[in-house]
Amino acid sequence: MPHVDIPQDLFLQIQQTLPASDSTDQFVSRAVREKLASNDRREEFLRLSDLAKQAMLEHGLTEKELLEDFEKQRRQPSE
């Protein structure tokens, strides 16, 4: 198993917040997995945002026009 050095102050923080059912290894492993999943979601968000921006530009729309349209739609009463 790979070895990771954790600074002493961080290790103490981890031990103070550990659920009774977790070992330090389990806690750190779960935290790293959560961070990696968060990074994956962020990358997907950025990819989709870039696609939306590209489509907006291809259709000659501006950010201002889109925001104005969203605001108009928001103010319309629901049917």
N, C-alpha and C. Protein backbone atom coordinates (compact mmCIF):
# COMPACT_ATOMS: atom_id res chain seq x y z
N MET A 1 0.85 -1.18 0.00
CA MET A 1 0.00 0.00 0.00
C MET A 1 0.89 1.24 0.00
N PRO A 2 0.57 2.24 -0.83
CA PRO A 2 1.36 3.48 -0.84
C PRO A 2 1.32 4.18 0.52
N HIS A 3 2.35 4.96 0.75
CA HIS A 3 2.49 5.68 2.01
C HIS A 3 2.41 7.18 1.74
N VAL A 4 1.65 7.87 2.57
CA VAL A 4 1.53 9.32 2.44
C VAL A 4 1.87 9.95 3.78
N ASP A 5 2.76 10.92 3.76
CA ASP A 5 3.10 11.65 4.99
C ASP A 5 2.09 12.77 5.19
N ILE A 6 1.48 12.79 6.37
CA ILE A 6 0.52 13.83 6.72
C ILE A 6 1.16 14.70 7.79
N PRO A 7 1.16 16.02 7.59
CA PRO A 7 1.74 16.90 8.60
C PRO A 7 1.07 16.66 9.96
N GLN A 8 1.85 16.76 11.02
CA GLN A 8 1.37 16.45 12.37
C GLN A 8 0.13 17.25 12.74
N ASP A 9 0.10 18.55 12.42
CA ASP A 9 -1.07 19.36 12.79
C ASP A 9 -2.34 18.89 12.07
N LEU A 10 -2.20 18.47 10.82
CA LEU A 10 -3.35 17.96 10.08
C LEU A 10 -3.78 16.60 10.64
N PHE A 11 -2.83 15.77 10.97
CA PHE A 11 -3.14 14.47 11.56
C PHE A 11 -3.91 14.64 12.87
N LEU A 12 -3.52 15.60 13.67
CA LEU A 12 -4.24 15.85 14.93
C LEU A 12 -5.66 16.34 14.67
N GLN A 13 -5.83 17.18 13.67
CA GLN A 13 -7.18 17.64 13.30
C GLN A 13 -8.05 16.47 12.85
N ILE A 14 -7.46 15.59 12.06
CA ILE A 14 -8.20 14.41 11.59
C ILE A 14 -8.63 13.57 12.78
N GLN A 15 -7.73 13.32 13.69
CA GLN A 15 -8.06 12.48 14.84
C GLN A 15 -9.14 13.12 15.72
N GLN A 16 -9.16 14.43 15.78
CA GLN A 16 -10.17 15.11 16.59
C GLN A 16 -11.56 15.02 15.96
N THR A 17 -11.63 14.88 14.63
CA THR A 17 -12.92 14.86 13.95
C THR A 17 -13.35 13.47 13.51
N LEU A 18 -12.53 12.48 13.77
CA LEU A 18 -12.84 11.11 13.34
C LEU A 18 -14.13 10.60 13.97
N PRO A 19 -15.01 10.07 13.13
CA PRO A 19 -16.15 9.33 13.72
C PRO A 19 -15.60 8.10 14.45
N ALA A 20 -16.28 7.67 15.47
CA ALA A 20 -15.80 6.54 16.27
C ALA A 20 -15.60 5.28 15.42
N SER A 21 -16.36 5.16 14.34
CA SER A 21 -16.30 3.94 13.52
C SER A 21 -15.18 3.96 12.48
N ASP A 22 -14.50 5.07 12.31
CA ASP A 22 -13.47 5.20 11.27
C ASP A 22 -12.06 5.13 11.82
N SER A 23 -11.18 4.56 11.01
CA SER A 23 -9.75 4.69 11.27
C SER A 23 -9.27 5.93 10.53
N THR A 24 -8.08 6.38 10.84
CA THR A 24 -7.51 7.52 10.13
C THR A 24 -7.40 7.22 8.65
N ASP A 25 -6.96 6.00 8.32
CA ASP A 25 -6.85 5.60 6.91
C ASP A 25 -8.19 5.68 6.20
N GLN A 26 -9.25 5.18 6.82
CA GLN A 26 -10.58 5.20 6.21
C GLN A 26 -11.04 6.65 6.00
N PHE A 27 -10.83 7.47 7.01
CA PHE A 27 -11.25 8.87 6.95
C PHE A 27 -10.55 9.59 5.80
N VAL A 28 -9.24 9.44 5.72
CA VAL A 28 -8.45 10.12 4.68
C VAL A 28 -8.83 9.58 3.31
N SER A 29 -8.99 8.27 3.19
CA SER A 29 -9.37 7.67 1.91
C SER A 29 -10.72 8.21 1.44
N ARG A 30 -11.70 8.29 2.34
CA ARG A 30 -13.02 8.80 1.98
C ARG A 30 -12.93 10.28 1.58
N ALA A 31 -12.15 11.06 2.32
CA ALA A 31 -12.00 12.49 2.02
C ALA A 31 -11.37 12.69 0.64
N VAL A 32 -10.38 11.89 0.32
CA VAL A 32 -9.72 12.01 -0.99
C VAL A 32 -10.69 11.61 -2.10
N ARG A 33 -11.45 10.53 -1.91
CA ARG A 33 -12.43 10.11 -2.91
C ARG A 33 -13.47 11.20 -3.14
N GLU A 34 -13.95 11.82 -2.05
CA GLU A 34 -14.93 12.90 -2.16
C GLU A 34 -14.35 14.09 -2.94
N LYS A 35 -13.10 14.42 -2.66
CA LYS A 35 -12.44 15.52 -3.36
C LYS A 35 -12.28 15.21 -4.84
N LEU A 36 -11.90 13.99 -5.17
CA LEU A 36 -11.74 13.61 -6.57
C LEU A 36 -13.09 13.65 -7.29
N ALA A 37 -14.15 13.18 -6.65
CA ALA A 37 -15.48 13.23 -7.25
C ALA A 37 -15.92 14.67 -7.46
N SER A 38 -15.61 15.53 -6.49
CA SER A 38 -15.94 16.95 -6.61
C SER A 38 -15.20 17.58 -7.79
N ASN A 39 -13.94 17.23 -7.94
CA ASN A 39 -13.16 17.74 -9.08
C ASN A 39 -13.74 17.27 -10.40
N ASP A 40 -14.19 16.00 -10.45
CA ASP A 40 -14.81 15.48 -11.67
C ASP A 40 -16.08 16.26 -12.01
N ARG A 41 -16.92 16.52 -10.98
CA ARG A 41 -18.15 17.29 -11.21
C ARG A 41 -17.83 18.70 -11.67
N ARG A 42 -16.80 19.30 -11.11
CA ARG A 42 -16.39 20.66 -11.51
C ARG A 42 -15.92 20.68 -12.96
N GLU A 43 -15.12 19.69 -13.33
CA GLU A 43 -14.64 19.62 -14.71
C GLU A 43 -15.80 19.45 -15.68
N GLU A 44 -16.80 18.64 -15.32
CA GLU A 44 -17.97 18.44 -16.18
C GLU A 44 -18.77 19.73 -16.28
N PHE A 45 -18.92 20.44 -15.18
CA PHE A 45 -19.62 21.72 -15.19
C PHE A 45 -18.92 22.70 -16.12
N LEU A 46 -17.60 22.78 -16.02
CA LEU A 46 -16.84 23.70 -16.88
C LEU A 46 -16.96 23.30 -18.35
N ARG A 47 -16.93 22.00 -18.63
CA ARG A 47 -17.07 21.52 -20.01
C ARG A 47 -18.44 21.92 -20.57
N LEU A 48 -19.50 21.69 -19.79
CA LEU A 48 -20.84 22.04 -20.24
C LEU A 48 -21.02 23.55 -20.38
N SER A 49 -20.40 24.31 -19.48
CA SER A 49 -20.46 25.76 -19.57
C SER A 49 -19.80 26.26 -20.84
N ASP A 50 -18.67 25.65 -21.18
CA ASP A 50 -17.98 26.03 -22.42
C ASP A 50 -18.82 25.71 -23.65
N LEU A 51 -19.50 24.56 -23.63
CA LEU A 51 -20.38 24.20 -24.74
C LEU A 51 -21.54 25.19 -24.86
N ALA A 52 -22.12 25.57 -23.74
CA ALA A 52 -23.23 26.53 -23.75
C ALA A 52 -22.75 27.89 -24.28
N LYS A 53 -21.57 28.31 -23.84
CA LYS A 53 -21.03 29.59 -24.31
C LYS A 53 -20.76 29.54 -25.81
N GLN A 54 -20.22 28.42 -26.26
CA GLN A 54 -19.94 28.27 -27.70
C GLN A 54 -21.24 28.33 -28.50
N ALA A 55 -22.28 27.65 -28.04
CA ALA A 55 -23.58 27.67 -28.74
C ALA A 55 -24.16 29.07 -28.73
N MET A 56 -24.03 29.77 -27.60
CA MET A 56 -24.53 31.13 -27.49
C MET A 56 -23.84 32.04 -28.52
N LEU A 57 -22.53 31.93 -28.59
CA LEU A 57 -21.78 32.76 -29.54
C LEU A 57 -22.12 32.40 -30.98
N GLU A 58 -22.30 31.11 -31.27
CA GLU A 58 -22.64 30.68 -32.63
C GLU A 58 -24.00 31.24 -33.06
N HIS A 59 -24.89 31.46 -32.11
CA HIS A 59 -26.21 32.00 -32.42
C HIS A 59 -26.26 33.52 -32.29
N GLY A 60 -25.12 34.14 -32.04
CA GLY A 60 -25.04 35.59 -31.99
C GLY A 60 -25.70 36.19 -30.75
N LEU A 61 -25.83 35.42 -29.71
CA LEU A 61 -26.44 35.92 -28.47
C LEU A 61 -25.38 36.50 -27.55
N THR A 62 -25.80 37.47 -26.76
CA THR A 62 -24.90 38.04 -25.76
C THR A 62 -25.36 37.60 -24.38
N GLU A 63 -24.47 37.68 -23.44
CA GLU A 63 -24.83 37.35 -22.06
C GLU A 63 -25.95 38.26 -21.56
N LYS A 64 -25.88 39.53 -21.92
CA LYS A 64 -26.90 40.49 -21.51
C LYS A 64 -28.28 40.08 -22.03
N GLU A 65 -28.33 39.68 -23.31
CA GLU A 65 -29.61 39.25 -23.89
C GLU A 65 -30.18 38.03 -23.17
N LEU A 66 -29.31 37.09 -22.88
CA LEU A 66 -29.77 35.89 -22.18
C LEU A 66 -30.29 36.22 -20.78
N LEU A 67 -29.56 37.05 -20.06
CA LEU A 67 -29.99 37.42 -18.71
C LEU A 67 -31.32 38.18 -18.74
N GLU A 68 -31.48 39.05 -19.72
CA GLU A 68 -32.74 39.78 -19.85
C GLU A 68 -33.89 38.82 -20.15
N ASP A 69 -33.64 37.84 -21.02
CA ASP A 69 -34.67 36.86 -21.34
C ASP A 69 -35.02 36.01 -20.12
N PHE A 70 -34.04 35.58 -19.37
CA PHE A 70 -34.30 34.82 -18.14
C PHE A 70 -35.15 35.64 -17.18
N GLU A 71 -34.81 36.91 -17.04
CA GLU A 71 -35.55 37.79 -16.13
C GLU A 71 -37.00 37.94 -16.57
N LYS A 72 -37.22 38.09 -17.89
CA LYS A 72 -38.59 38.19 -18.42
C LYS A 72 -39.37 36.91 -18.12
N GLN A 73 -38.74 35.78 -18.34
CA GLN A 73 -39.39 34.50 -18.09
C GLN A 73 -39.72 34.31 -16.60
N ARG A 74 -38.83 34.75 -15.77
CA ARG A 74 -39.02 34.61 -14.33
C ARG A 74 -40.19 35.44 -13.84
N ARG A 75 -40.40 36.58 -14.44
CA ARG A 75 -41.47 37.49 -14.01
C ARG A 75 -42.84 37.11 -14.56
N GLN A 76 -42.87 36.24 -15.57
CA GLN A 76 -44.17 35.84 -16.14
C GLN A 76 -44.89 34.94 -15.15
N PRO A 77 -46.21 35.17 -14.98
CA PRO A 77 -46.96 34.30 -14.08
C PRO A 77 -47.02 32.86 -14.62
N SER A 78 -47.04 31.92 -13.72
CA SER A 78 -47.14 30.50 -14.13
C SER A 78 -48.54 30.23 -14.64
N GLU A 79 -48.64 29.35 -15.60
CA GLU A 79 -49.94 29.01 -16.17
C GLU A 79 -50.51 27.80 -15.48
